[in-house]
């Protein structure tokens, strides 16, 4: 299983970014897929998830600003991030879970300038 995260970068506060997680060796529509964030000096934090049935859930810190979605044809999961704040900065990781499998992507860096 490989999860290739991309789309990170530098954005001003209030701006938007869309992260992508392209999967190979697994089918995102069959898995529970998650986005996590790890800020410097902090633990990895669960931000958003989407189940195989399409149900989504969000951390309180991003509810209403971030949207997780997937494109089954592209076998890719997205995280649309709007109204970004400086505290949203960090490395964003894609996570896939199916059965006993728990796979991680390499992370993509998001920097938010104030």
N, C-alpha and C. Protein backbone atom coordinates (compact mmCIF):
# COMPACT_ATOMS: atom_id res chain seq x y z
N UNK A 1 0.86 -1.19 0.00
CA UNK A 1 0.00 0.00 0.00
C UNK A 1 0.90 1.24 0.00
N UNK A 2 0.57 2.15 -0.89
CA UNK A 2 1.27 3.44 -0.90
C UNK A 2 0.24 4.56 -0.90
N UNK A 3 0.50 5.56 -0.06
CA UNK A 3 -0.35 6.73 0.02
C UNK A 3 0.52 7.94 -0.26
N UNK A 4 0.25 8.63 -1.36
CA UNK A 4 1.06 9.76 -1.78
C UNK A 4 0.30 11.05 -1.50
N UNK A 5 0.71 11.75 -0.46
CA UNK A 5 0.07 13.02 -0.10
C UNK A 5 0.75 14.16 -0.84
N UNK A 6 -0.06 15.10 -1.27
CA UNK A 6 0.47 16.28 -1.96
C UNK A 6 -0.48 17.46 -1.75
N UNK A 7 -0.02 18.64 -2.18
CA UNK A 7 -0.87 19.82 -2.13
C UNK A 7 -0.52 20.80 -1.03
N UNK A 8 0.41 20.45 -0.18
CA UNK A 8 0.83 21.37 0.85
C UNK A 8 1.59 22.55 0.28
N UNK A 9 1.81 23.54 1.11
CA UNK A 9 2.55 24.72 0.68
C UNK A 9 2.38 25.85 1.65
N UNK A 10 2.77 27.04 1.19
CA UNK A 10 2.67 28.26 1.99
C UNK A 10 1.42 29.03 1.58
N UNK A 11 0.63 29.40 2.57
CA UNK A 11 -0.60 30.14 2.29
C UNK A 11 -0.78 31.20 3.37
N UNK A 12 -1.39 32.30 3.01
CA UNK A 12 -1.69 33.34 3.99
C UNK A 12 -2.89 32.93 4.83
N UNK A 13 -2.92 33.43 6.04
CA UNK A 13 -4.07 33.20 6.90
C UNK A 13 -5.34 33.65 6.17
N UNK A 14 -6.38 32.84 6.27
CA UNK A 14 -7.62 33.12 5.57
C UNK A 14 -7.71 32.46 4.21
N UNK A 15 -6.59 31.93 3.73
CA UNK A 15 -6.55 31.29 2.43
C UNK A 15 -6.99 29.85 2.47
N UNK A 16 -6.85 29.21 1.30
CA UNK A 16 -7.31 27.83 1.15
C UNK A 16 -6.23 26.98 0.49
N UNK A 17 -6.29 25.71 0.80
CA UNK A 17 -5.47 24.70 0.14
C UNK A 17 -6.30 23.44 0.00
N UNK A 18 -5.96 22.64 -1.02
CA UNK A 18 -6.57 21.32 -1.13
C UNK A 18 -5.46 20.28 -1.15
N UNK A 19 -5.51 19.39 -0.19
CA UNK A 19 -4.56 18.29 -0.12
C UNK A 19 -5.15 17.07 -0.82
N UNK A 20 -4.26 16.31 -1.42
CA UNK A 20 -4.65 15.08 -2.09
C UNK A 20 -3.88 13.91 -1.50
N UNK A 21 -4.52 12.75 -1.49
CA UNK A 21 -3.88 11.52 -1.06
C UNK A 21 -4.21 10.46 -2.10
N UNK A 22 -3.25 10.20 -2.97
CA UNK A 22 -3.44 9.21 -4.03
C UNK A 22 -2.98 7.85 -3.51
N UNK A 23 -3.87 6.88 -3.61
CA UNK A 23 -3.59 5.55 -3.06
C UNK A 23 -3.29 4.55 -4.16
N UNK A 24 -2.40 3.63 -3.85
CA UNK A 24 -2.14 2.48 -4.71
C UNK A 24 -1.99 1.26 -3.82
N UNK A 25 -2.41 0.13 -4.34
CA UNK A 25 -2.36 -1.09 -3.55
C UNK A 25 -3.52 -1.26 -2.59
N UNK A 26 -4.44 -0.33 -2.62
CA UNK A 26 -5.64 -0.41 -1.80
C UNK A 26 -6.72 0.40 -2.50
N UNK A 27 -7.95 0.21 -2.07
CA UNK A 27 -9.08 0.91 -2.67
C UNK A 27 -9.69 1.84 -1.64
N UNK A 28 -9.59 3.13 -1.88
CA UNK A 28 -10.00 4.09 -0.85
C UNK A 28 -11.48 3.96 -0.52
N UNK A 29 -12.29 3.58 -1.48
CA UNK A 29 -13.73 3.48 -1.22
C UNK A 29 -14.08 2.29 -0.34
N UNK A 30 -13.16 1.38 -0.17
CA UNK A 30 -13.37 0.22 0.70
C UNK A 30 -12.81 0.43 2.10
N UNK A 31 -12.08 1.51 2.28
CA UNK A 31 -11.38 1.75 3.54
C UNK A 31 -12.00 2.90 4.30
N UNK A 32 -11.61 3.00 5.55
CA UNK A 32 -11.79 4.23 6.29
C UNK A 32 -10.53 5.06 6.07
N UNK A 33 -10.70 6.28 5.63
CA UNK A 33 -9.58 7.15 5.30
C UNK A 33 -9.59 8.36 6.22
N UNK A 34 -8.40 8.78 6.62
CA UNK A 34 -8.29 9.87 7.60
C UNK A 34 -7.19 10.84 7.19
N UNK A 35 -7.34 12.06 7.65
CA UNK A 35 -6.29 13.07 7.60
C UNK A 35 -5.91 13.44 9.02
N UNK A 36 -4.60 13.46 9.25
CA UNK A 36 -4.03 13.87 10.53
C UNK A 36 -3.11 15.05 10.29
N UNK A 37 -2.84 15.76 11.36
CA UNK A 37 -1.90 16.86 11.34
C UNK A 37 -0.94 16.73 12.52
N UNK A 38 0.33 17.03 12.27
CA UNK A 38 1.30 17.08 13.35
C UNK A 38 2.03 18.39 13.30
N UNK A 39 1.77 19.22 14.31
CA UNK A 39 2.46 20.50 14.43
C UNK A 39 3.77 20.28 15.17
N UNK A 40 4.73 21.18 14.98
CA UNK A 40 6.03 21.04 15.66
C UNK A 40 5.86 20.92 17.17
N UNK A 41 6.47 19.90 17.75
CA UNK A 41 6.42 19.72 19.18
C UNK A 41 5.12 19.19 19.73
N UNK A 42 4.20 18.82 18.84
CA UNK A 42 2.89 18.32 19.28
C UNK A 42 2.64 16.91 18.77
N UNK A 43 1.67 16.25 19.37
CA UNK A 43 1.29 14.92 18.92
C UNK A 43 0.48 15.02 17.63
N UNK A 44 0.50 13.92 16.92
CA UNK A 44 -0.31 13.85 15.71
C UNK A 44 -1.78 13.90 16.09
N UNK A 45 -2.53 14.73 15.37
CA UNK A 45 -3.93 15.02 15.70
C UNK A 45 -4.83 14.57 14.56
N UNK A 46 -5.90 13.83 14.90
CA UNK A 46 -6.88 13.42 13.91
C UNK A 46 -7.76 14.60 13.54
N UNK A 47 -7.86 14.89 12.25
CA UNK A 47 -8.64 16.04 11.79
C UNK A 47 -9.96 15.65 11.14
N UNK A 48 -9.93 14.64 10.29
CA UNK A 48 -11.12 14.31 9.52
C UNK A 48 -11.05 12.86 9.07
N UNK A 49 -12.22 12.27 8.90
CA UNK A 49 -12.30 10.90 8.43
C UNK A 49 -13.48 10.70 7.53
N UNK A 50 -13.36 9.70 6.65
CA UNK A 50 -14.47 9.31 5.78
C UNK A 50 -14.52 7.80 5.76
N UNK A 51 -15.70 7.25 6.01
CA UNK A 51 -15.85 5.80 6.05
C UNK A 51 -16.08 5.25 4.65
N UNK A 52 -16.07 3.92 4.55
CA UNK A 52 -16.34 3.31 3.26
C UNK A 52 -17.75 3.64 2.78
N UNK A 53 -18.64 3.87 3.71
CA UNK A 53 -20.00 4.24 3.36
C UNK A 53 -20.18 5.71 3.02
N UNK A 54 -19.12 6.49 3.20
CA UNK A 54 -19.17 7.90 2.85
C UNK A 54 -19.49 8.85 3.98
N UNK A 55 -19.67 8.33 5.18
CA UNK A 55 -19.89 9.20 6.33
C UNK A 55 -18.61 9.91 6.70
N UNK A 56 -18.76 11.18 7.09
CA UNK A 56 -17.58 11.97 7.43
C UNK A 56 -17.67 12.45 8.87
N UNK A 57 -16.52 12.72 9.45
CA UNK A 57 -16.47 13.31 10.78
C UNK A 57 -15.24 14.19 10.88
N UNK A 58 -15.32 15.17 11.78
CA UNK A 58 -14.27 16.19 11.87
C UNK A 58 -13.94 16.50 13.32
N UNK A 59 -12.71 16.90 13.52
CA UNK A 59 -12.33 17.45 14.82
C UNK A 59 -12.99 18.81 14.98
N UNK A 60 -13.26 19.16 16.23
CA UNK A 60 -13.90 20.46 16.49
C UNK A 60 -13.09 21.61 15.93
N UNK A 61 -11.76 21.45 15.93
CA UNK A 61 -10.88 22.54 15.51
C UNK A 61 -10.99 22.86 14.03
N UNK A 62 -11.52 21.93 13.23
CA UNK A 62 -11.59 22.16 11.78
C UNK A 62 -13.02 22.07 11.25
N UNK A 63 -13.96 21.70 12.10
CA UNK A 63 -15.36 21.58 11.68
C UNK A 63 -15.84 22.88 11.04
N UNK A 64 -16.44 22.78 9.87
CA UNK A 64 -16.95 23.95 9.18
C UNK A 64 -15.93 24.64 8.29
N UNK A 65 -14.67 24.28 8.42
CA UNK A 65 -13.62 24.89 7.58
C UNK A 65 -12.97 23.88 6.64
N UNK A 66 -12.86 22.64 7.09
CA UNK A 66 -12.23 21.58 6.31
C UNK A 66 -13.29 20.60 5.82
N UNK A 67 -13.05 20.05 4.63
CA UNK A 67 -13.96 19.05 4.08
C UNK A 67 -13.15 17.90 3.51
N UNK A 68 -13.46 16.69 3.96
CA UNK A 68 -12.82 15.50 3.42
C UNK A 68 -13.75 14.90 2.37
N UNK A 69 -13.14 14.43 1.30
CA UNK A 69 -13.93 13.82 0.23
C UNK A 69 -13.05 12.80 -0.49
N UNK A 70 -13.66 12.05 -1.39
CA UNK A 70 -12.87 11.09 -2.16
C UNK A 70 -13.40 11.01 -3.59
N UNK A 71 -12.50 10.65 -4.47
CA UNK A 71 -12.84 10.42 -5.87
C UNK A 71 -12.52 8.95 -6.14
N UNK A 72 -13.56 8.13 -6.20
CA UNK A 72 -13.35 6.69 -6.34
C UNK A 72 -12.65 6.36 -7.65
N UNK A 73 -12.97 7.08 -8.71
CA UNK A 73 -12.37 6.81 -10.01
C UNK A 73 -10.86 7.07 -9.99
N UNK A 74 -10.46 8.06 -9.22
CA UNK A 74 -9.03 8.40 -9.12
C UNK A 74 -8.36 7.71 -7.93
N UNK A 75 -9.16 7.01 -7.12
CA UNK A 75 -8.65 6.34 -5.92
C UNK A 75 -7.87 7.32 -5.05
N UNK A 76 -8.48 8.47 -4.85
CA UNK A 76 -7.81 9.58 -4.17
C UNK A 76 -8.75 10.19 -3.14
N UNK A 77 -8.17 10.58 -2.02
CA UNK A 77 -8.91 11.27 -0.97
C UNK A 77 -8.38 12.70 -0.89
N UNK A 78 -9.27 13.62 -0.61
CA UNK A 78 -8.92 15.04 -0.57
C UNK A 78 -9.24 15.64 0.79
N UNK A 79 -8.55 16.72 1.09
CA UNK A 79 -8.90 17.54 2.25
C UNK A 79 -8.90 18.98 1.77
N UNK A 80 -10.09 19.53 1.63
CA UNK A 80 -10.24 20.94 1.27
C UNK A 80 -10.17 21.76 2.56
N UNK A 81 -9.23 22.68 2.60
CA UNK A 81 -9.03 23.47 3.80
C UNK A 81 -9.26 24.94 3.48
N UNK A 82 -10.25 25.52 4.12
CA UNK A 82 -10.60 26.92 3.93
C UNK A 82 -10.39 27.70 5.22
N UNK A 83 -10.33 29.01 5.08
CA UNK A 83 -10.18 29.89 6.25
C UNK A 83 -9.02 29.43 7.13
N UNK A 84 -7.90 29.19 6.51
CA UNK A 84 -6.76 28.66 7.25
C UNK A 84 -6.24 29.65 8.28
N UNK A 85 -5.80 29.10 9.38
CA UNK A 85 -5.26 29.89 10.49
C UNK A 85 -3.80 29.49 10.72
N UNK A 86 -3.03 30.35 11.35
CA UNK A 86 -1.62 29.98 11.63
C UNK A 86 -1.51 28.68 12.41
N UNK A 87 -2.47 28.41 13.28
CA UNK A 87 -2.42 27.17 14.07
C UNK A 87 -2.74 25.93 13.25
N UNK A 88 -3.12 26.09 12.00
CA UNK A 88 -3.34 24.94 11.12
C UNK A 88 -2.03 24.44 10.50
N UNK A 89 -0.96 25.14 10.73
CA UNK A 89 0.33 24.74 10.15
C UNK A 89 0.82 23.42 10.73
N UNK A 90 1.49 22.66 9.88
CA UNK A 90 2.04 21.38 10.31
C UNK A 90 2.21 20.45 9.14
N UNK A 91 2.60 19.23 9.44
CA UNK A 91 2.69 18.20 8.42
C UNK A 91 1.38 17.41 8.45
N UNK A 92 0.79 17.28 7.29
CA UNK A 92 -0.49 16.60 7.14
C UNK A 92 -0.25 15.20 6.58
N UNK A 93 -0.85 14.22 7.24
CA UNK A 93 -0.68 12.83 6.87
C UNK A 93 -2.01 12.20 6.48
N UNK A 94 -1.95 11.37 5.48
CA UNK A 94 -3.08 10.56 5.07
C UNK A 94 -2.95 9.19 5.72
N UNK A 95 -4.07 8.63 6.15
CA UNK A 95 -4.09 7.34 6.84
C UNK A 95 -5.21 6.49 6.28
N UNK A 96 -4.90 5.22 6.05
CA UNK A 96 -5.87 4.27 5.52
C UNK A 96 -6.00 3.09 6.46
N UNK A 97 -7.24 2.72 6.76
CA UNK A 97 -7.48 1.56 7.63
C UNK A 97 -8.47 0.60 6.97
N UNK A 98 -8.06 -0.66 6.97
CA UNK A 98 -8.93 -1.73 6.46
C UNK A 98 -8.57 -2.99 7.19
N UNK A 99 -9.52 -3.56 7.92
CA UNK A 99 -9.21 -4.74 8.71
C UNK A 99 -8.11 -4.41 9.71
N UNK A 100 -7.05 -5.21 9.69
CA UNK A 100 -5.94 -4.96 10.62
C UNK A 100 -4.89 -4.05 10.00
N UNK A 101 -5.09 -3.67 8.75
CA UNK A 101 -4.13 -2.78 8.10
C UNK A 101 -4.32 -1.34 8.56
N UNK A 102 -3.19 -0.68 8.73
CA UNK A 102 -3.18 0.72 9.14
C UNK A 102 -1.98 1.37 8.44
N UNK A 103 -2.23 2.03 7.35
CA UNK A 103 -1.15 2.53 6.49
C UNK A 103 -1.10 4.05 6.49
N UNK A 104 0.14 4.57 6.36
CA UNK A 104 0.36 6.02 6.41
C UNK A 104 1.09 6.50 5.17
N UNK A 105 0.75 7.70 4.76
CA UNK A 105 1.50 8.37 3.71
C UNK A 105 2.69 9.11 4.30
N UNK A 106 3.43 9.79 3.43
CA UNK A 106 4.69 10.41 3.87
C UNK A 106 4.49 11.82 4.43
N UNK A 107 3.33 12.39 4.27
CA UNK A 107 3.08 13.71 4.82
C UNK A 107 3.36 14.83 3.83
N UNK A 108 2.61 15.91 3.98
CA UNK A 108 2.82 17.11 3.17
C UNK A 108 2.76 18.32 4.11
N UNK A 109 3.68 19.24 3.91
CA UNK A 109 3.84 20.36 4.84
C UNK A 109 2.94 21.52 4.46
N UNK A 110 2.22 22.02 5.45
CA UNK A 110 1.40 23.21 5.28
C UNK A 110 1.93 24.30 6.19
N UNK A 111 2.20 25.46 5.62
CA UNK A 111 2.66 26.61 6.38
C UNK A 111 1.66 27.74 6.18
N UNK A 112 1.24 28.34 7.28
CA UNK A 112 0.25 29.41 7.21
C UNK A 112 0.87 30.67 7.81
N UNK A 113 0.98 31.71 6.99
CA UNK A 113 1.56 32.96 7.46
C UNK A 113 0.47 33.89 7.97
N UNK A 114 0.81 34.61 9.02
CA UNK A 114 -0.19 35.50 9.63
C UNK A 114 -0.10 36.90 9.05
